[in-house]
Amino acid sequence: MQRNMDSSQTGDASAVPQVQDSVLEPTAQEGGEMIQCACGCGTLLAGIGSRSRAVRFKRGHHLLQDSRVHMEQRFWSKVDKSGGPDACWPWTRKRTHDGYGVFALRNGKQHPAHRIAWELTNGEILHGLLACHHCDNRLCCNPVHLFLGTVRDNALDASRKGRLSCGDRHWSRLHPERLARGDRSGARLHPECRARGERHGSRLHPELCPRGERNGRAKLTEAQVIEIRSLGKDKSGIVLAQRFGVSKATIYEILKGTTWRLAP
């Protein structure tokens, strides 16, 4: 400890300004060149870091966004343009389960490839708009084959082209053999699998079915139901509904026996 204190007190006085110069002008000490942050923010960085490693981004900026030039290079390298400017340009990399291309930015977020193609060519897509295909090729990234529209515009475009599965084009009309109807229904082929009658769960375990006053949604008690049925012969449903604080429909269902069937 004493040796360190002595060396700090007797050291060269020029050491302090050298430390300040190294902070203000890092390339003057290291002999490197100043470069701009690759994310496009314009921040100047020393080409060589503290551990003699190449520096391309300011700390944390590699997570913010792609360098636009580098992103365009990465994106278009994954698109097949061999068909010419008027042909479809299919996406050649990752795709979703429904057939659309997927492009991942440096921040890890994935976006539809055809939307990125439109934005790189024509600018940002406003909220609520879709990038739709004229060519109906979901992998196509040719901006000439794309147009902007709402969900309704996209549905109308698909309807005009006959691409909606409705009417005689619905799968149930095209393949009726896939529908189990009539004697081919599961209830007909395996009636033993249907819990009906005395085998129903409400019959086997009635204690699990809260009925009457035990039901959490009940607004009346069993005594009130009995009184309603006794007064229903002389008074109208409107009077009874106002008296017991329920709707007319509730009164009529009680009188008809549709509800509270277990009450006397």
Protein backbone atom coordinates (compact mmCIF):
# COMPACT_ATOMS: atom_id res chain seq x y z
CA MET A 1 0.00 0.00 0.00
CA GLN A 2 2.87 2.41 0.88
CA ARG A 3 4.64 1.65 -2.37
CA ASN A 4 1.55 2.51 -4.41
CA MET A 5 1.07 5.78 -2.58
CA ASP A 6 4.70 6.78 -3.19
CA SER A 7 4.54 5.99 -6.87
CA SER A 8 1.37 8.08 -7.30
CA GLN A 9 2.93 11.04 -5.53
CA THR A 10 6.27 10.97 -7.37
CA GLY A 11 4.89 10.15 -10.84
CA ASP A 12 5.32 12.30 -13.93
CA ALA A 13 2.99 15.32 -13.99
CA SER A 14 2.36 14.85 -17.70
CA ALA A 15 0.43 11.66 -16.98
CA VAL A 16 -2.80 13.55 -16.14
CA PRO A 17 -3.11 15.52 -19.39
CA GLN A 18 -2.28 12.34 -21.32
CA VAL A 19 -5.29 10.61 -19.73
CA GLN A 20 -7.52 13.57 -20.61
CA ASP A 21 -6.27 13.59 -24.21
CA SER A 22 -6.97 9.87 -24.53
CA VAL A 23 -10.59 10.46 -23.48
CA LEU A 24 -11.20 13.45 -25.74
CA GLU A 25 -9.30 12.18 -28.76
CA PRO A 26 -9.16 8.35 -28.60
CA THR A 27 -7.75 8.01 -32.12
CA ALA A 28 -4.78 10.26 -31.39
CA GLN A 29 -3.38 7.73 -28.93
CA GLU A 30 -4.44 4.57 -30.78
CA GLY A 31 -3.66 5.78 -34.28
CA GLY A 32 -7.05 4.55 -35.58
CA GLU A 33 -9.63 6.26 -37.76
CA MET A 34 -12.94 7.74 -36.68
CA ILE A 35 -15.94 5.88 -38.10
CA GLN A 36 -19.69 6.45 -37.85
CA CYS A 37 -21.95 4.14 -35.88
CA ALA A 38 -23.32 1.50 -38.24
CA CYS A 39 -26.89 2.05 -37.03
CA GLY A 40 -26.99 5.36 -38.89
CA CYS A 41 -27.25 7.67 -35.85
CA GLY A 42 -24.14 9.65 -36.94
CA THR A 43 -22.13 9.10 -33.73
CA LEU A 44 -18.35 9.05 -34.34
CA LEU A 45 -16.48 6.09 -32.88
CA ALA A 46 -12.87 4.94 -32.68
CA GLY A 47 -12.27 2.15 -35.12
CA ILE A 48 -10.50 0.05 -32.47
CA GLY A 49 -11.98 -0.59 -29.02
CA SER A 50 -10.31 -0.94 -25.64
CA ARG A 51 -9.53 -4.63 -26.28
CA SER A 52 -8.15 -4.12 -29.79
CA ARG A 53 -11.42 -5.23 -31.35
CA ALA A 54 -13.11 -3.62 -34.32
CA VAL A 55 -15.97 -1.31 -33.32
CA ARG A 56 -19.00 -0.84 -35.59
CA PHE A 57 -21.77 0.25 -33.21
CA LYS A 58 -22.05 2.55 -30.23
CA ARG A 59 -22.82 0.52 -27.13
CA GLY A 60 -26.38 -0.82 -27.41
CA HIS A 61 -27.07 0.66 -30.86
CA HIS A 62 -26.82 -2.72 -32.59
CA LEU A 63 -30.11 -3.57 -30.88
CA LEU A 64 -31.93 -0.43 -31.99
CA GLN A 65 -32.09 -0.77 -35.74
CA ASP A 66 -30.37 -2.00 -38.82
CA SER A 67 -28.15 0.23 -40.82
CA ARG A 68 -30.50 0.99 -43.70
CA VAL A 69 -27.88 0.30 -46.37
CA HIS A 70 -26.84 -2.94 -44.73
CA MET A 71 -30.48 -3.94 -44.18
CA GLU A 72 -31.31 -3.39 -47.85
CA GLN A 73 -28.34 -5.51 -48.86
CA ARG A 74 -29.40 -8.31 -46.53
CA PHE A 75 -33.01 -8.13 -47.65
CA TRP A 76 -32.58 -8.07 -51.43
CA SER A 77 -29.94 -10.83 -51.24
CA LYS A 78 -32.75 -13.11 -50.10
CA VAL A 79 -35.05 -12.21 -53.02
CA ASP A 80 -34.90 -13.97 -56.39
CA LYS A 81 -35.03 -11.32 -59.13
CA SER A 82 -33.95 -13.60 -61.94
CA GLY A 83 -37.35 -13.41 -63.66
CA GLY A 84 -36.97 -9.76 -64.64
CA PRO A 85 -38.53 -6.49 -63.48
CA ASP A 86 -42.11 -7.51 -64.36
CA ALA A 87 -42.02 -11.05 -62.98
CA CYS A 88 -42.64 -12.18 -59.42
CA TRP A 89 -39.67 -11.88 -57.10
CA PRO A 90 -40.10 -14.81 -54.67
CA TRP A 91 -38.71 -14.72 -51.16
CA THR A 92 -36.15 -17.52 -50.77
CA ARG A 93 -35.72 -17.76 -47.00
CA LYS A 94 -37.90 -18.31 -43.96
CA ARG A 95 -41.66 -18.28 -44.39
CA THR A 96 -44.72 -18.58 -42.17
CA HIS A 97 -47.05 -21.55 -42.01
CA ASP A 98 -49.49 -19.80 -44.35
CA GLY A 99 -46.86 -19.10 -47.00
CA TYR A 100 -45.68 -15.50 -46.40
CA GLY A 101 -42.01 -14.59 -46.30
CA VAL A 102 -40.46 -13.42 -43.03
CA PHE A 103 -37.55 -11.00 -42.62
CA ALA A 104 -35.85 -10.46 -39.23
CA LEU A 105 -34.28 -7.16 -38.26
CA ARG A 106 -31.23 -6.88 -36.02
CA ASN A 107 -33.44 -6.22 -33.01
CA GLY A 108 -34.94 -9.70 -33.42
CA LYS A 109 -38.39 -8.60 -34.60
CA GLN A 110 -39.79 -10.41 -37.62
CA HIS A 111 -41.79 -8.65 -40.32
CA PRO A 112 -43.57 -9.82 -43.48
CA ALA A 113 -41.08 -9.73 -46.32
CA HIS A 114 -43.46 -8.11 -48.82
CA ARG A 115 -44.14 -5.23 -46.41
CA ILE A 116 -40.40 -4.60 -46.03
CA ALA A 117 -40.09 -4.61 -49.83
CA TRP A 118 -42.78 -1.93 -50.11
CA GLU A 119 -41.28 0.24 -47.37
CA LEU A 120 -37.76 0.06 -48.82
CA THR A 121 -39.12 1.20 -52.19
CA ASN A 122 -42.05 3.52 -51.41
CA GLY A 123 -41.69 4.56 -47.77
CA GLU A 124 -43.46 3.78 -44.51
CA ILE A 125 -46.86 2.05 -44.51
CA LEU A 126 -49.48 3.92 -42.49
CA HIS A 127 -51.21 2.23 -39.57
CA GLY A 128 -54.22 0.16 -40.60
CA LEU A 129 -53.08 -0.50 -44.17
CA LEU A 130 -51.98 -3.80 -45.66
CA ALA A 131 -49.50 -4.54 -48.41
CA CYS A 132 -51.65 -6.57 -50.84
CA HIS A 133 -50.59 -8.60 -53.87
CA HIS A 134 -51.85 -8.02 -57.40
CA CYS A 135 -50.27 -11.32 -58.40
CA ASP A 136 -51.70 -13.34 -55.45
CA ASN A 137 -48.24 -14.82 -54.88
CA ARG A 138 -47.64 -14.61 -51.15
CA LEU A 139 -43.86 -14.94 -51.53
CA CYS A 140 -43.61 -12.17 -54.14
CA CYS A 141 -41.57 -9.12 -53.04
CA ASN A 142 -41.71 -7.17 -56.30
CA PRO A 143 -42.96 -3.68 -55.34
CA VAL A 144 -44.67 -3.40 -58.75
CA HIS A 145 -46.94 -6.29 -57.76
CA LEU A 146 -47.95 -4.71 -54.45
CA PHE A 147 -50.57 -2.14 -53.50
CA LEU A 148 -51.79 -0.66 -50.22
CA GLY A 149 -55.31 -1.24 -48.94
CA THR A 150 -57.43 -1.89 -45.89
CA VAL A 151 -58.68 -5.29 -44.75
CA ARG A 152 -61.91 -4.62 -46.66
CA ASP A 153 -60.00 -3.74 -49.83
CA ASN A 154 -58.03 -6.94 -49.55
CA ALA A 155 -61.20 -9.01 -49.07
CA LEU A 156 -62.93 -7.34 -52.04
CA ASP A 157 -59.88 -7.97 -54.21
CA ALA A 158 -59.91 -11.66 -53.24
CA SER A 159 -63.64 -11.86 -53.91
CA ARG A 160 -63.30 -10.33 -57.39
CA LYS A 161 -60.59 -12.89 -58.21
CA GLY A 162 -62.68 -15.78 -56.89
CA ARG A 163 -60.26 -16.67 -54.15
CA LEU A 164 -62.74 -16.71 -51.27
CA SER A 165 -64.03 -20.12 -50.17
CA CYS A 166 -67.76 -19.46 -50.13
CA GLY A 167 -70.85 -20.92 -51.76
CA ASP A 168 -70.14 -23.78 -54.13
CA ARG A 169 -66.39 -23.24 -53.68
CA HIS A 170 -66.52 -23.98 -49.95
CA TRP A 171 -64.69 -27.14 -48.95
CA SER A 172 -67.89 -28.68 -47.57
CA ARG A 173 -69.41 -28.45 -51.07
CA LEU A 174 -66.27 -29.55 -52.89
CA HIS A 175 -65.61 -32.49 -50.56
CA PRO A 176 -68.90 -33.53 -48.92
CA GLU A 177 -67.41 -36.95 -48.18
CA ARG A 178 -65.31 -35.32 -45.45
CA LEU A 179 -68.40 -34.36 -43.46
CA ALA A 180 -69.65 -37.07 -41.13
CA ARG A 181 -73.42 -36.73 -41.48
CA GLY A 182 -76.38 -39.04 -40.99
CA ASP A 183 -75.43 -42.62 -40.25
CA ARG A 184 -71.73 -41.69 -40.58
CA SER A 185 -71.95 -39.29 -37.66
CA GLY A 186 -69.98 -40.19 -34.58
CA ALA A 187 -73.14 -40.16 -32.46
CA ARG A 188 -74.63 -42.84 -34.73
CA LEU A 189 -71.51 -44.97 -35.12
CA HIS A 190 -70.55 -44.91 -31.42
CA PRO A 191 -73.65 -44.12 -29.33
CA GLU A 192 -71.95 -45.70 -26.32
CA CYS A 193 -69.58 -42.70 -26.25
CA ARG A 194 -72.44 -40.26 -25.72
CA ALA A 195 -73.36 -39.72 -22.07
CA ARG A 196 -77.13 -39.49 -22.31
CA GLY A 197 -80.07 -40.18 -20.03
CA GLU A 198 -79.12 -41.81 -16.77
CA ARG A 199 -75.46 -41.91 -17.84
CA HIS A 200 -75.27 -38.13 -18.04
CA GLY A 201 -73.01 -36.43 -15.53
CA SER A 202 -75.86 -34.41 -14.07
CA ARG A 203 -77.70 -37.65 -13.26
CA LEU A 204 -74.67 -39.53 -11.95
CA HIS A 205 -73.40 -36.63 -9.83
CA PRO A 206 -76.30 -34.25 -9.13
CA GLU A 207 -74.37 -32.75 -6.21
CA LEU A 208 -71.98 -31.17 -8.71
CA CYS A 209 -74.80 -29.25 -10.44
CA PRO A 210 -75.88 -26.33 -8.20
CA ARG A 211 -79.58 -25.82 -8.82
CA GLY A 212 -82.24 -23.66 -7.29
CA GLU A 213 -81.02 -21.50 -4.43
CA ARG A 214 -77.57 -23.13 -4.63
CA ASN A 215 -76.97 -21.58 -8.04
CA GLY A 216 -74.84 -18.46 -7.72
CA ARG A 217 -76.92 -16.66 -10.36
CA ALA A 218 -80.28 -17.29 -8.63
CA LYS A 219 -82.24 -14.12 -7.77
CA LEU A 220 -85.14 -15.87 -6.11
CA THR A 221 -85.54 -18.37 -3.33
CA GLU A 222 -87.63 -21.54 -3.51
CA ALA A 223 -90.24 -19.98 -1.21
CA GLN A 224 -90.60 -17.00 -3.55
CA VAL A 225 -91.00 -19.32 -6.55
CA ILE A 226 -93.79 -21.21 -4.76
CA GLU A 227 -95.49 -17.89 -3.96
CA ILE A 228 -95.18 -16.71 -7.58
CA ARG A 229 -96.87 -19.87 -8.84
CA SER A 230 -99.68 -19.53 -6.31
CA LEU A 231 -100.26 -15.85 -7.19
CA GLY A 232 -99.89 -16.36 -10.92
CA LYS A 233 -103.50 -17.48 -11.27
CA ASP A 234 -104.85 -14.12 -10.10
CA LYS A 235 -102.16 -11.52 -10.88
CA SER A 236 -100.44 -10.56 -14.09
CA GLY A 237 -96.79 -11.16 -14.84
CA ILE A 238 -96.06 -7.42 -14.83
CA VAL A 239 -97.34 -7.05 -11.26
CA LEU A 240 -95.40 -10.08 -10.07
CA ALA A 241 -92.22 -8.89 -11.82
CA GLN A 242 -92.41 -5.51 -10.07
CA ARG A 243 -93.13 -7.12 -6.74
CA PHE A 244 -90.22 -9.59 -6.79
CA GLY A 245 -87.75 -7.37 -8.67
CA VAL A 246 -87.26 -9.59 -11.73
CA SER A 247 -88.17 -9.37 -15.40
CA LYS A 248 -91.47 -10.45 -16.93
CA ALA A 249 -89.69 -13.19 -18.85
CA THR A 250 -88.43 -14.68 -15.58
CA ILE A 251 -92.00 -14.76 -14.19
CA TYR A 252 -93.43 -16.38 -17.32
CA GLU A 253 -90.68 -19.04 -17.40
CA ILE A 254 -91.39 -19.91 -13.76
CA LEU A 255 -95.14 -20.19 -14.44
CA LYS A 256 -94.59 -22.37 -17.52
CA GLY A 257 -92.15 -24.60 -15.66
CA THR A 258 -89.25 -23.85 -17.97
CA THR A 259 -87.14 -22.83 -14.96
CA TRP A 260 -87.26 -23.99 -11.36
CA ARG A 261 -88.64 -27.31 -12.52
CA LEU A 262 -87.67 -29.02 -9.23
CA ALA A 263 -89.61 -26.53 -7.13
CA PRO A 264 -93.21 -27.57 -6.22
